[in-house]
Amino acid sequence: MSEVEQPIFIIAQHTRFLPEAERSADVIARASKRFKAVAAVLEERLKGRDFIVGNTFSAADVVLGGVLFFATRMGQLGDDTPSLKTYHDRLMARPAAKKGYAA
């Protein structure tokens, strides 16, 4: 999770949290590139699968779903990863996700 979460956190820092004078477009670009690389691995993993580990919903899906929710907010989850996007949409459609994320 640290591989997928870290670049999203960096993007958030440099687009929303840091004072504008401290933000860096280069840092955002590098973090976005890193996220896209990790998202491509997850895309392959999720092809033909409903969940990230095994055939049942698990804590791994809860954690990854939260990161993907944030990635979507940061504009990082796009059409280049359709399986990952479908997975995210499926997780966010769950009643607990709707309640927790007010989706």
N, C-alpha and C. Protein backbone atom coordinates (compact mmCIF):
# COMPACT_ATOMS: atom_id res chain seq x y z
N MET A 1 0.82 -1.18 0.00
CA MET A 1 0.00 0.00 0.00
C MET A 1 0.87 1.25 0.00
N SER A 2 2.04 1.16 0.61
CA SER A 2 2.89 2.35 0.65
C SER A 2 3.31 2.78 -0.75
N GLU A 3 3.39 1.83 -1.67
CA GLU A 3 3.78 2.17 -3.04
C GLU A 3 2.69 2.95 -3.77
N VAL A 4 1.45 2.69 -3.46
CA VAL A 4 0.36 3.39 -4.13
C VAL A 4 -0.08 4.63 -3.35
N GLU A 5 0.06 4.60 -2.05
CA GLU A 5 -0.40 5.71 -1.22
C GLU A 5 0.57 6.89 -1.24
N GLN A 6 1.85 6.62 -1.19
CA GLN A 6 2.83 7.69 -1.11
C GLN A 6 2.73 8.71 -2.25
N PRO A 7 2.66 8.27 -3.51
CA PRO A 7 2.58 9.29 -4.56
C PRO A 7 1.29 10.13 -4.48
N ILE A 8 0.20 9.52 -4.05
CA ILE A 8 -1.05 10.27 -3.92
C ILE A 8 -0.92 11.33 -2.82
N PHE A 9 -0.29 10.95 -1.73
CA PHE A 9 -0.06 11.92 -0.64
C PHE A 9 0.82 13.07 -1.12
N ILE A 10 1.85 12.76 -1.88
CA ILE A 10 2.75 13.80 -2.40
C ILE A 10 1.99 14.75 -3.34
N ILE A 11 1.16 14.18 -4.20
CA ILE A 11 0.36 15.01 -5.10
C ILE A 11 -0.56 15.92 -4.30
N ALA A 12 -1.19 15.37 -3.27
CA ALA A 12 -2.07 16.19 -2.43
C ALA A 12 -1.30 17.32 -1.75
N GLN A 13 -0.12 17.01 -1.25
CA GLN A 13 0.69 18.05 -0.62
C GLN A 13 0.95 19.20 -1.57
N HIS A 14 1.35 18.86 -2.80
CA HIS A 14 1.79 19.87 -3.75
C HIS A 14 0.66 20.49 -4.58
N THR A 15 -0.57 20.04 -4.35
CA THR A 15 -1.70 20.66 -5.04
C THR A 15 -2.68 21.32 -4.07
N ARG A 16 -2.66 20.89 -2.80
CA ARG A 16 -3.67 21.39 -1.87
C ARG A 16 -3.14 21.87 -0.53
N PHE A 17 -2.16 21.19 0.02
CA PHE A 17 -1.80 21.43 1.42
C PHE A 17 -0.64 22.41 1.63
N LEU A 18 0.36 22.34 0.81
CA LEU A 18 1.50 23.24 0.97
C LEU A 18 1.14 24.65 0.51
N PRO A 19 1.78 25.65 1.11
CA PRO A 19 1.59 27.00 0.58
C PRO A 19 2.02 27.03 -0.89
N GLU A 20 1.36 27.83 -1.68
CA GLU A 20 1.61 27.84 -3.12
C GLU A 20 3.09 28.02 -3.46
N ALA A 21 3.80 28.83 -2.71
CA ALA A 21 5.22 29.08 -2.98
C ALA A 21 6.08 27.83 -2.79
N GLU A 22 5.59 26.85 -2.04
CA GLU A 22 6.35 25.63 -1.76
C GLU A 22 5.96 24.46 -2.67
N ARG A 23 4.96 24.65 -3.50
CA ARG A 23 4.51 23.58 -4.39
C ARG A 23 5.43 23.44 -5.59
N SER A 24 5.52 22.21 -6.09
CA SER A 24 6.41 21.95 -7.22
C SER A 24 5.71 21.11 -8.29
N ALA A 25 5.63 21.67 -9.48
CA ALA A 25 5.04 20.93 -10.60
C ALA A 25 5.89 19.70 -10.95
N ASP A 26 7.20 19.81 -10.79
CA ASP A 26 8.08 18.66 -11.07
C ASP A 26 7.82 17.52 -10.09
N VAL A 27 7.64 17.85 -8.83
CA VAL A 27 7.34 16.83 -7.83
C VAL A 27 6.01 16.16 -8.13
N ILE A 28 5.01 16.95 -8.51
CA ILE A 28 3.70 16.40 -8.88
C ILE A 28 3.84 15.46 -10.07
N ALA A 29 4.59 15.86 -11.07
CA ALA A 29 4.77 15.03 -12.26
C ALA A 29 5.45 13.71 -11.93
N ARG A 30 6.48 13.76 -11.09
CA ARG A 30 7.17 12.51 -10.70
C ARG A 30 6.25 11.61 -9.89
N ALA A 31 5.49 12.18 -8.97
CA ALA A 31 4.58 11.38 -8.16
C ALA A 31 3.47 10.78 -9.02
N SER A 32 2.97 11.55 -9.96
CA SER A 32 1.93 11.05 -10.86
C SER A 32 2.46 9.89 -11.71
N LYS A 33 3.68 10.03 -12.19
CA LYS A 33 4.31 8.96 -12.97
C LYS A 33 4.45 7.70 -12.13
N ARG A 34 4.86 7.86 -10.88
CA ARG A 34 5.00 6.71 -9.97
C ARG A 34 3.65 6.07 -9.70
N PHE A 35 2.62 6.89 -9.45
CA PHE A 35 1.29 6.33 -9.23
C PHE A 35 0.83 5.55 -10.45
N LYS A 36 1.03 6.09 -11.64
CA LYS A 36 0.60 5.41 -12.87
C LYS A 36 1.30 4.06 -13.01
N ALA A 37 2.57 3.98 -12.63
CA ALA A 37 3.31 2.71 -12.72
C ALA A 37 2.72 1.68 -11.77
N VAL A 38 2.42 2.09 -10.55
CA VAL A 38 1.83 1.17 -9.56
C VAL A 38 0.41 0.82 -9.97
N ALA A 39 -0.34 1.79 -10.47
CA ALA A 39 -1.71 1.53 -10.92
C ALA A 39 -1.73 0.52 -12.06
N ALA A 40 -0.71 0.53 -12.91
CA ALA A 40 -0.63 -0.43 -14.01
C ALA A 40 -0.46 -1.86 -13.47
N VAL A 41 0.30 -2.01 -12.41
CA VAL A 41 0.47 -3.33 -11.78
C VAL A 41 -0.85 -3.79 -11.18
N LEU A 42 -1.54 -2.89 -10.49
CA LEU A 42 -2.84 -3.22 -9.91
C LEU A 42 -3.86 -3.52 -10.99
N GLU A 43 -3.79 -2.80 -12.09
CA GLU A 43 -4.69 -3.04 -13.23
C GLU A 43 -4.56 -4.48 -13.70
N GLU A 44 -3.34 -4.94 -13.87
CA GLU A 44 -3.11 -6.32 -14.31
C GLU A 44 -3.62 -7.32 -13.28
N ARG A 45 -3.38 -7.04 -12.02
CA ARG A 45 -3.81 -7.93 -10.94
C ARG A 45 -5.33 -8.07 -10.92
N LEU A 46 -6.05 -6.99 -11.20
CA LEU A 46 -7.50 -7.00 -11.07
C LEU A 46 -8.25 -7.47 -12.31
N LYS A 47 -7.56 -7.68 -13.40
CA LYS A 47 -8.25 -8.16 -14.61
C LYS A 47 -8.91 -9.50 -14.32
N GLY A 48 -10.23 -9.55 -14.48
CA GLY A 48 -10.98 -10.78 -14.26
C GLY A 48 -11.19 -11.13 -12.80
N ARG A 49 -10.90 -10.19 -11.90
CA ARG A 49 -11.05 -10.44 -10.46
C ARG A 49 -11.98 -9.40 -9.86
N ASP A 50 -12.65 -9.77 -8.78
CA ASP A 50 -13.49 -8.82 -8.06
C ASP A 50 -12.76 -8.18 -6.88
N PHE A 51 -11.77 -8.87 -6.35
CA PHE A 51 -11.08 -8.39 -5.16
C PHE A 51 -9.58 -8.52 -5.33
N ILE A 52 -8.82 -7.80 -4.54
CA ILE A 52 -7.37 -7.74 -4.70
C ILE A 52 -6.68 -9.02 -4.21
N VAL A 53 -7.24 -9.67 -3.17
CA VAL A 53 -6.66 -10.90 -2.63
C VAL A 53 -7.74 -11.97 -2.62
N GLY A 54 -7.52 -13.05 -3.31
CA GLY A 54 -8.49 -14.14 -3.30
C GLY A 54 -9.80 -13.77 -3.95
N ASN A 55 -10.85 -14.48 -3.57
CA ASN A 55 -12.17 -14.30 -4.18
C ASN A 55 -13.18 -13.66 -3.25
N THR A 56 -12.71 -13.12 -2.13
CA THR A 56 -13.64 -12.51 -1.19
C THR A 56 -13.13 -11.14 -0.76
N PHE A 57 -14.05 -10.30 -0.39
CA PHE A 57 -13.75 -8.97 0.12
C PHE A 57 -12.92 -9.11 1.40
N SER A 58 -11.85 -8.32 1.52
CA SER A 58 -10.98 -8.41 2.69
C SER A 58 -10.50 -7.02 3.11
N ALA A 59 -9.73 -7.01 4.18
CA ALA A 59 -9.15 -5.76 4.67
C ALA A 59 -8.29 -5.09 3.60
N ALA A 60 -7.66 -5.89 2.75
CA ALA A 60 -6.85 -5.33 1.66
C ALA A 60 -7.70 -4.46 0.74
N ASP A 61 -8.94 -4.87 0.51
CA ASP A 61 -9.84 -4.07 -0.33
C ASP A 61 -10.25 -2.78 0.37
N VAL A 62 -10.42 -2.83 1.67
CA VAL A 62 -10.76 -1.63 2.43
C VAL A 62 -9.63 -0.61 2.31
N VAL A 63 -8.41 -1.07 2.52
CA VAL A 63 -7.25 -0.17 2.47
C VAL A 63 -7.04 0.37 1.07
N LEU A 64 -7.03 -0.51 0.08
CA LEU A 64 -6.82 -0.07 -1.30
C LEU A 64 -7.96 0.83 -1.76
N GLY A 65 -9.18 0.50 -1.35
CA GLY A 65 -10.32 1.34 -1.72
C GLY A 65 -10.18 2.75 -1.21
N GLY A 66 -9.69 2.90 0.02
CA GLY A 66 -9.47 4.23 0.58
C GLY A 66 -8.43 5.02 -0.20
N VAL A 67 -7.36 4.36 -0.57
CA VAL A 67 -6.31 5.03 -1.34
C VAL A 67 -6.85 5.41 -2.72
N LEU A 68 -7.60 4.52 -3.34
CA LEU A 68 -8.15 4.82 -4.66
C LEU A 68 -9.19 5.94 -4.61
N PHE A 69 -9.93 6.01 -3.52
CA PHE A 69 -10.87 7.11 -3.34
C PHE A 69 -10.11 8.44 -3.37
N PHE A 70 -9.02 8.49 -2.63
CA PHE A 70 -8.19 9.69 -2.58
C PHE A 70 -7.54 9.95 -3.94
N ALA A 71 -7.09 8.88 -4.61
CA ALA A 71 -6.48 9.02 -5.94
C ALA A 71 -7.48 9.62 -6.93
N THR A 72 -8.72 9.21 -6.82
CA THR A 72 -9.76 9.77 -7.68
C THR A 72 -9.93 11.26 -7.41
N ARG A 73 -9.94 11.63 -6.15
CA ARG A 73 -10.04 13.04 -5.77
C ARG A 73 -8.86 13.87 -6.30
N MET A 74 -7.71 13.22 -6.43
CA MET A 74 -6.51 13.90 -6.93
C MET A 74 -6.42 13.84 -8.46
N GLY A 75 -7.43 13.27 -9.10
CA GLY A 75 -7.46 13.19 -10.56
C GLY A 75 -6.48 12.19 -11.15
N GLN A 76 -6.12 11.18 -10.38
CA GLN A 76 -5.10 10.23 -10.82
C GLN A 76 -5.65 8.90 -11.34
N LEU A 77 -6.89 8.60 -11.08
CA LEU A 77 -7.46 7.32 -11.52
C LEU A 77 -8.23 7.59 -12.81
N GLY A 78 -7.68 7.13 -13.92
CA GLY A 78 -8.27 7.49 -15.21
C GLY A 78 -8.68 6.31 -16.06
N ASP A 79 -8.97 6.62 -17.30
CA ASP A 79 -9.46 5.62 -18.24
C ASP A 79 -8.38 4.63 -18.68
N ASP A 80 -7.13 4.90 -18.37
CA ASP A 80 -6.04 3.99 -18.74
C ASP A 80 -5.99 2.75 -17.84
N THR A 81 -6.79 2.73 -16.80
CA THR A 81 -6.86 1.57 -15.90
C THR A 81 -8.33 1.19 -15.68
N PRO A 82 -8.99 0.65 -16.71
CA PRO A 82 -10.44 0.37 -16.59
C PRO A 82 -10.78 -0.68 -15.53
N SER A 83 -9.96 -1.70 -15.36
CA SER A 83 -10.24 -2.71 -14.34
C SER A 83 -10.12 -2.11 -12.94
N LEU A 84 -9.12 -1.27 -12.74
CA LEU A 84 -8.92 -0.62 -11.45
C LEU A 84 -10.06 0.35 -11.16
N LYS A 85 -10.49 1.07 -12.19
CA LYS A 85 -11.60 2.01 -12.02
C LYS A 85 -12.90 1.26 -11.70
N THR A 86 -13.15 0.16 -12.38
CA THR A 86 -14.33 -0.65 -12.11
C THR A 86 -14.28 -1.20 -10.70
N TYR A 87 -13.12 -1.67 -10.30
CA TYR A 87 -12.91 -2.16 -8.93
C TYR A 87 -13.22 -1.06 -7.92
N HIS A 88 -12.67 0.11 -8.14
CA HIS A 88 -12.93 1.24 -7.24
C HIS A 88 -14.42 1.55 -7.18
N ASP A 89 -15.08 1.61 -8.33
CA ASP A 89 -16.52 1.90 -8.37
C ASP A 89 -17.31 0.84 -7.61
N ARG A 90 -16.92 -0.42 -7.76
CA ARG A 90 -17.59 -1.52 -7.06
C ARG A 90 -17.41 -1.38 -5.55
N LEU A 91 -16.21 -1.04 -5.11
CA LEU A 91 -15.97 -0.85 -3.68
C LEU A 91 -16.77 0.33 -3.14
N MET A 92 -16.81 1.41 -3.89
CA MET A 92 -17.51 2.61 -3.42
C MET A 92 -19.03 2.43 -3.44
N ALA A 93 -19.52 1.42 -4.13
CA ALA A 93 -20.96 1.13 -4.16
C ALA A 93 -21.40 0.34 -2.94
N ARG A 94 -20.45 -0.19 -2.18
CA ARG A 94 -20.80 -0.95 -0.98
C ARG A 94 -21.43 -0.02 0.07
N PRO A 95 -22.43 -0.49 0.81
CA PRO A 95 -23.11 0.37 1.78
C PRO A 95 -22.18 1.05 2.79
N ALA A 96 -21.19 0.33 3.30
CA ALA A 96 -20.28 0.94 4.27
C ALA A 96 -19.44 2.04 3.63
N ALA A 97 -19.03 1.84 2.38
CA ALA A 97 -18.25 2.87 1.68
C ALA A 97 -19.12 4.10 1.44
N LYS A 98 -20.35 3.89 1.03
CA LYS A 98 -21.24 5.03 0.82
C LYS A 98 -21.40 5.84 2.10
N LYS A 99 -21.55 5.13 3.20
CA LYS A 99 -21.70 5.80 4.48
C LYS A 99 -20.39 6.47 4.90
N GLY A 100 -19.29 5.75 4.80
CA GLY A 100 -18.00 6.26 5.26
C GLY A 100 -17.45 7.38 4.42
N TYR A 101 -17.66 7.33 3.13
CA TYR A 101 -17.12 8.34 2.24
C TYR A 101 -18.18 9.34 1.79
N ALA A 102 -19.40 9.17 2.30
CA ALA A 102 -20.52 10.03 1.91
C ALA A 102 -20.62 10.13 0.40
N ALA A 103 -20.43 8.96 -0.25
CA ALA A 103 -20.47 8.92 -1.72
C ALA A 103 -21.88 8.82 -2.24
